Protein backbone atom coordinates (compact mmCIF):
# COMPACT_ATOMS: atom_id res chain seq x y z
CA MET A 1 9.15 -9.80 -16.22
CA LEU A 2 9.91 -7.77 -19.23
CA TRP A 3 12.00 -4.63 -19.46
CA THR A 4 12.88 -2.61 -22.61
CA VAL A 5 15.73 -0.55 -23.61
CA ILE A 6 13.55 2.09 -25.06
CA SER A 7 13.59 5.20 -22.70
CA ARG A 8 10.14 6.94 -21.46
CA THR A 9 9.44 9.84 -23.19
CA ALA A 10 9.82 12.12 -20.08
CA CYS A 11 12.60 14.76 -20.58
CA PHE A 12 15.44 15.83 -18.18
CA LEU A 13 16.42 19.51 -17.93
CA LEU A 14 19.11 21.37 -15.98
CA TYR A 15 19.40 24.95 -16.35
CA PHE A 16 20.83 28.26 -15.06
CA VAL A 17 20.01 31.91 -15.29
CA TYR A 18 22.16 35.15 -15.28
CA SER A 19 21.65 38.65 -14.75
CA ILE A 20 23.86 41.71 -15.36
CA SER A 21 25.01 43.46 -12.34
CA ALA A 22 25.79 47.37 -12.06
CA ASP A 23 29.18 46.69 -13.16
CA ARG A 24 28.19 44.96 -16.24
CA CYS A 25 29.29 41.43 -15.34
CA ASN A 26 27.77 38.25 -15.56
CA LEU A 27 26.39 37.02 -12.12
CA GLY A 28 24.37 33.68 -11.22
CA LEU A 29 21.12 34.18 -9.86
CA GLY A 30 21.63 31.57 -7.30
CA MET A 31 20.63 28.10 -9.17
CA ILE A 32 24.28 26.77 -8.33
CA THR A 33 24.92 28.14 -5.16
CA ARG A 34 21.56 27.39 -3.70
CA ASP A 35 20.40 31.26 -2.88
CA ILE A 36 17.38 30.21 -4.79
CA MET A 37 15.87 27.75 -2.61
CA ASP A 38 13.94 24.24 -3.26
CA SER A 39 10.73 25.70 -2.54
CA GLN A 40 11.25 28.42 -5.34
CA ILE A 41 11.54 25.69 -8.32
CA THR A 42 8.43 24.16 -9.61
CA ALA A 43 7.75 22.14 -12.41
CA SER A 44 4.47 20.87 -14.51
CA SER A 45 5.18 17.40 -13.13
CA SER A 46 7.97 14.92 -11.68
CA HIS A 47 8.46 11.64 -12.46
CA SER A 48 9.42 10.66 -9.27
CA ILE A 49 11.34 11.64 -5.78
CA TRP A 50 14.36 11.06 -7.93
CA THR A 51 13.61 13.83 -10.35
CA LEU A 52 12.04 16.68 -8.29
CA PRO A 53 12.33 20.19 -9.64
CA SER A 54 14.62 21.26 -6.81
CA ALA A 55 17.16 18.98 -8.60
CA GLY A 56 17.14 21.14 -11.89
CA ARG A 57 20.37 22.97 -10.95
CA LEU A 58 23.52 23.19 -13.37
CA TRP A 59 26.00 20.98 -12.31
CA ASN A 60 23.82 18.91 -9.73
CA GLN A 61 25.14 15.75 -8.77
CA ARG A 62 23.41 12.20 -8.35
CA ARG A 63 23.39 11.21 -4.56
CA ALA A 64 21.76 8.14 -3.45
CA GLN A 65 21.69 9.52 0.15
CA ASP A 66 19.47 12.43 -1.24
CA SER A 67 17.70 10.35 -3.37
CA THR A 68 18.25 12.33 -6.42
CA PHE A 69 19.65 11.75 -9.65
CA GLY A 70 20.55 15.05 -10.05
CA GLY A 71 18.23 16.52 -12.42
CA TRP A 72 14.35 17.04 -13.13
CA CYS A 73 12.42 14.71 -15.10
CA ALA A 74 8.74 15.05 -16.05
CA VAL A 75 6.21 12.31 -16.07
CA ASP A 76 5.47 10.42 -19.34
CA HIS A 77 2.25 11.75 -20.24
CA ASP A 78 2.92 15.30 -19.73
CA LYS A 79 2.18 16.85 -22.91
CA ALA A 80 3.59 20.46 -21.99
CA PRO A 81 6.34 19.98 -19.73
CA TYR A 82 8.18 22.95 -18.09
CA LEU A 83 10.47 24.00 -15.30
CA GLN A 84 9.97 27.14 -13.12
CA VAL A 85 11.78 29.47 -11.10
CA ASP A 86 10.33 32.01 -8.73
CA PHE A 87 12.90 34.61 -8.01
CA ARG A 88 10.45 36.42 -5.54
CA LYS A 89 11.20 39.67 -6.90
CA GLU A 90 11.38 41.37 -10.43
CA THR A 91 14.87 40.29 -11.88
CA VAL A 92 17.10 41.18 -14.69
CA ILE A 93 17.76 38.07 -16.78
CA THR A 94 20.09 38.21 -19.74
CA ALA A 95 20.74 34.27 -20.45
CA VAL A 96 19.63 30.61 -19.64
CA ALA A 97 22.19 27.95 -19.60
CA SER A 98 20.78 24.25 -19.88
CA GLN A 99 22.56 20.90 -19.50
CA GLY A 100 21.53 17.32 -19.99
CA LEU A 101 21.41 14.16 -17.28
CA SER A 102 23.65 11.36 -18.03
CA PHE A 103 22.19 9.08 -15.49
CA PRO A 104 20.16 6.87 -15.80
CA LEU A 105 20.12 6.65 -19.46
CA GLY A 106 21.25 10.03 -20.96
CA ASN A 107 18.72 12.43 -21.63
CA TRP A 108 18.80 16.19 -22.46
CA VAL A 109 16.54 18.81 -23.89
CA LYS A 110 16.83 19.71 -27.51
CA LYS A 111 14.46 22.81 -27.81
CA TYR A 112 12.67 25.14 -25.54
CA SER A 113 10.68 28.63 -25.35
CA LEU A 114 10.54 30.84 -22.49
CA ASN A 115 7.36 32.42 -20.62
CA TYR A 116 8.05 35.25 -18.12
CA SER A 117 5.63 36.84 -15.43
CA CYS A 118 5.71 39.63 -12.94
CA ASP A 119 3.10 38.26 -10.69
CA GLY A 120 2.79 34.48 -11.39
CA HIS A 121 -0.54 34.91 -13.04
CA ASN A 122 -0.22 37.06 -16.20
CA TRP A 123 2.32 35.59 -18.55
CA LYS A 124 4.44 36.88 -21.57
CA THR A 125 5.98 34.89 -24.36
CA TYR A 126 9.73 35.87 -25.08
CA GLN A 127 9.98 36.97 -28.55
CA SER A 128 12.62 37.63 -31.27
CA HIS A 129 11.48 39.84 -34.37
CA LYS A 130 7.73 39.69 -33.31
CA LYS A 131 7.53 35.71 -32.99
CA GLY A 132 7.87 33.34 -29.85
CA ARG A 133 11.63 32.38 -29.60
CA VAL A 134 12.69 28.69 -29.97
CA PHE A 135 15.99 28.15 -28.06
CA GLY A 136 18.20 25.46 -29.25
CA ALA A 137 19.60 23.59 -26.36
CA ASN A 138 21.88 20.29 -25.72
CA ASN A 139 23.34 17.78 -27.99
CA ASP A 140 24.50 15.35 -25.31
CA ASP A 141 23.75 14.77 -21.56
CA ASP A 142 26.76 16.59 -20.10
CA SER A 143 27.72 19.81 -22.08
CA VAL A 144 26.24 23.08 -20.96
CA VAL A 145 24.62 24.95 -23.79
CA THR A 146 24.12 28.81 -22.83
CA ASN A 147 21.55 30.98 -24.76
CA LYS A 148 22.13 34.83 -24.44
CA LEU A 149 18.69 36.94 -24.90
CA ASP A 150 18.72 39.58 -27.42
CA GLU A 151 16.82 41.71 -25.04
CA ALA A 152 16.85 40.93 -20.99
CA ILE A 153 13.94 39.90 -19.55
CA ILE A 154 12.85 41.82 -16.37
CA ALA A 155 10.53 39.40 -14.57
CA ARG A 156 9.95 37.61 -10.93
CA VAL A 157 8.93 34.14 -12.67
CA LEU A 158 10.65 32.52 -15.48
CA ARG A 159 9.14 29.36 -17.00
CA VAL A 160 11.23 27.27 -19.58
CA ASN A 161 8.91 25.14 -21.73
CA VAL A 162 10.55 22.10 -23.15
CA LEU A 163 9.49 21.62 -26.92
CA ASP A 164 11.62 18.68 -27.79
CA TRP A 165 14.11 16.10 -26.17
CA ASN A 166 16.33 13.19 -26.85
CA MET A 167 15.46 10.07 -25.42
CA TYR A 168 18.06 7.06 -25.21
CA ASP A 169 17.57 4.77 -27.84
CA GLY A 170 19.33 1.27 -27.65
CA THR A 171 17.79 -0.89 -30.82
CA HIS A 172 14.79 -0.80 -32.51
CA LYS A 173 15.48 -4.64 -33.12
CA ASP A 174 14.10 -6.95 -30.46
CA CYS A 175 13.53 -3.85 -27.97
CA LYS A 176 11.78 -6.04 -25.31
CA LYS A 177 13.42 -8.88 -23.59
CA ALA A 178 12.85 -10.64 -20.35
CA ALA A 179 14.78 -9.24 -17.37
CA GLY A 180 16.57 -12.32 -16.34
CA LEU A 181 14.50 -14.21 -13.70
CA GLU A 182 13.80 -17.19 -16.06
CA ASN A 183 17.48 -17.58 -17.28
CA ARG A 184 18.80 -16.62 -13.88
CA GLN A 185 20.97 -13.55 -14.63
CA ILE A 186 18.99 -12.21 -11.63
CA THR A 187 20.53 -14.42 -8.98
CA ASP A 188 18.79 -16.03 -5.91
CA SER A 189 20.16 -13.45 -3.48
CA GLN A 190 18.51 -10.74 -5.59
CA LEU A 191 14.92 -12.36 -4.74
CA SER A 192 13.27 -11.81 -1.23
CA ALA A 193 9.86 -12.17 0.07
CA SER A 194 7.85 -11.30 3.13
CA SER A 195 7.90 -15.12 4.29
CA PHE A 196 8.23 -18.33 2.60
CA SER A 197 7.26 -22.16 3.17
CA MET A 198 9.42 -25.10 3.32
CA GLY A 199 11.19 -25.89 0.12
CA GLN A 200 9.25 -22.90 -1.69
CA HIS A 201 12.10 -19.93 -0.99
CA PRO A 202 11.98 -16.79 -2.89
CA SER A 203 14.42 -17.99 -5.34
CA ARG A 204 11.73 -20.47 -6.54
CA GLY A 205 9.53 -17.77 -7.78
CA ARG A 206 11.02 -18.00 -11.62
CA LEU A 207 8.82 -18.50 -14.55
CA ASN A 208 8.91 -22.32 -15.94
CA ASN A 209 10.64 -23.46 -12.78
CA ASP A 210 11.23 -27.28 -12.06
CA VAL A 211 10.57 -29.17 -9.13
CA LYS A 212 13.81 -30.82 -7.82
CA GLN A 213 14.89 -33.05 -5.22
CA ILE A 214 18.30 -32.25 -3.35
CA ASN A 215 19.54 -34.17 -0.19
CA GLY A 216 16.17 -35.54 -0.01
CA SER A 217 14.49 -32.26 0.01
CA THR A 218 12.06 -31.02 -2.22
CA LEU A 219 12.16 -27.95 -3.95
CA TRP A 220 9.05 -26.69 -5.58
CA ASP A 221 8.44 -24.82 -8.83
CA SER A 222 7.24 -21.67 -7.01
CA TRP A 223 7.49 -19.23 -4.17
CA CYS A 224 4.70 -19.74 -1.74
CA ALA A 225 4.27 -17.27 1.75
CA GLY A 226 4.64 -19.00 4.67
CA THR A 227 1.82 -16.56 6.21
CA GLU A 228 -1.62 -16.29 5.49
CA ASP A 229 -2.60 -12.86 4.98
CA LYS A 230 -2.64 -10.11 2.16
CA SER A 231 0.61 -8.36 3.33
CA GLN A 232 2.60 -11.06 1.48
CA TYR A 233 5.13 -10.43 -1.09
CA LEU A 234 7.61 -11.61 -3.52
CA GLN A 235 10.32 -9.01 -4.34
CA VAL A 236 13.17 -8.56 -6.93
CA ASP A 237 15.89 -6.27 -7.05
CA LEU A 238 16.95 -5.82 -10.75
CA GLY A 239 20.63 -5.04 -9.93
CA GLU A 240 20.11 -1.59 -11.74
CA ALA A 241 17.79 0.70 -12.83
CA ARG A 242 15.51 -0.28 -15.80
CA ASN A 243 12.30 0.76 -17.90
CA VAL A 244 9.82 -2.41 -16.93
CA THR A 245 7.06 -2.81 -19.52
CA GLY A 246 5.47 -6.13 -18.32
CA VAL A 247 4.97 -8.79 -15.78
CA ALA A 248 3.99 -12.37 -16.15
CA THR A 249 2.71 -14.92 -13.74
CA GLN A 250 2.25 -18.47 -13.61
CA GLY A 251 0.84 -20.99 -11.17
CA SER A 252 2.42 -23.90 -9.27
CA VAL A 253 2.08 -27.66 -10.56
CA ILE A 254 0.61 -28.65 -6.97
CA GLY A 255 -2.43 -26.50 -8.06
CA THR A 256 -2.06 -23.19 -6.27
CA TRP A 257 -2.05 -19.84 -7.76
CA VAL A 258 -2.26 -16.14 -7.25
CA THR A 259 -5.50 -14.60 -8.60
CA LYS A 260 -4.88 -10.61 -7.97
CA TYR A 261 -1.97 -8.77 -7.04
CA VAL A 262 -0.92 -5.11 -6.66
CA LEU A 263 2.59 -3.88 -7.79
CA HIS A 264 5.08 -1.89 -5.58
CA TYR A 265 8.01 -0.18 -7.12
CA SER A 266 10.99 1.58 -5.81
CA LEU A 267 14.47 3.14 -7.12
CA ASP A 268 16.23 3.09 -3.66
CA GLY A 269 14.87 0.24 -1.65
CA TYR A 270 13.17 2.50 0.69
CA HIS A 271 10.66 4.96 -1.04
CA TRP A 272 7.84 2.89 -2.72
CA GLU A 273 5.02 3.57 -5.17
CA THR A 274 2.26 1.62 -6.08
CA TYR A 275 1.65 0.91 -9.79
CA SER A 276 -1.37 2.36 -11.25
CA SER A 277 -3.18 1.90 -14.60
CA ASN A 278 -4.87 4.94 -16.11
CA HIS A 279 -3.83 6.65 -13.00
CA SER A 280 -6.02 4.50 -10.54
CA GLU A 281 -4.36 2.17 -7.97
CA GLY A 282 -5.93 -1.36 -7.27
CA GLU A 283 -5.56 -4.91 -7.84
CA SER A 284 -4.72 -6.29 -11.44
CA GLU A 285 -5.88 -9.46 -12.74
CA VAL A 286 -2.88 -12.13 -13.24
CA GLY A 287 -1.19 -12.13 -16.56
CA THR A 288 0.96 -9.58 -18.47
CA TYR A 289 0.81 -5.91 -18.28
CA ALA A 290 1.04 -4.97 -22.02
CA GLN A 291 1.13 -1.34 -21.45
CA MET A 292 2.88 -1.21 -18.39
CA ARG A 293 6.24 1.53 -18.57
CA ILE A 294 7.89 2.16 -15.15
CA PHE A 295 11.34 2.94 -14.27
CA ILE A 296 12.57 1.05 -11.29
CA LYS A 297 15.27 -0.91 -9.57
CA TRP A 298 12.94 -2.81 -7.09
CA LEU A 299 9.95 -4.55 -7.81
CA ARG A 300 7.52 -5.86 -5.07
């Protein structure tokens, strides 16, 4: 299994909108207080259940029990990502505040533009000096940056279009490396399976493993299921969320091997998704996924 320290190209965005009351005071419109309900917040896409549009609220918190990282994130291939709020009535908007997301890798939006609508169908672009205005946003994954509007927007729906974003970049030298199965940085306790045969425990499922004799018992060089059906699996807990870019497999010296497999992955160990290539699910030939890129903690 391989993983890379280069983050996916999806972006994180948290934002908050203000209005002006009758006494000219700035008031929040309900993103933080949740007067704006989850169903009123939508987006062009969502990377996973951990980064839904409804999480795109200023000062939101990462909560494992609620399966959220505390922010919204678009999918990798989203070419025009946006986060949108329907206020359900015409509303005066005078400022937009954005914030990055520190977990898991530290991402933030650097530039965005605004579209607004009174019916959700006919859209206008917020302009400055007769040109679509591009707003400068964040420089880190925590600070709040507020952009005041030269002219207030009166609209029912506001859309924040992400134009540029930061993505965590570790190092461009040797950016891909093994996740730790072969060198045992991933411990035996992090490997589990649906079943196993004698001497072929889940912990034996490591690349280039050796056959061992311990106290008269044979430990073979691979994992083998103890039940013969198509629901068997080998599972690894990576210990932390990582970007996985490839999976390599190997047969056993006793002359058995897997010819096809399906991958399932999860960030919490409870909600699982099926890996798909070119947006289609199905079995994959044994070997290495050269173009895989999934952000996971568990792989099955």
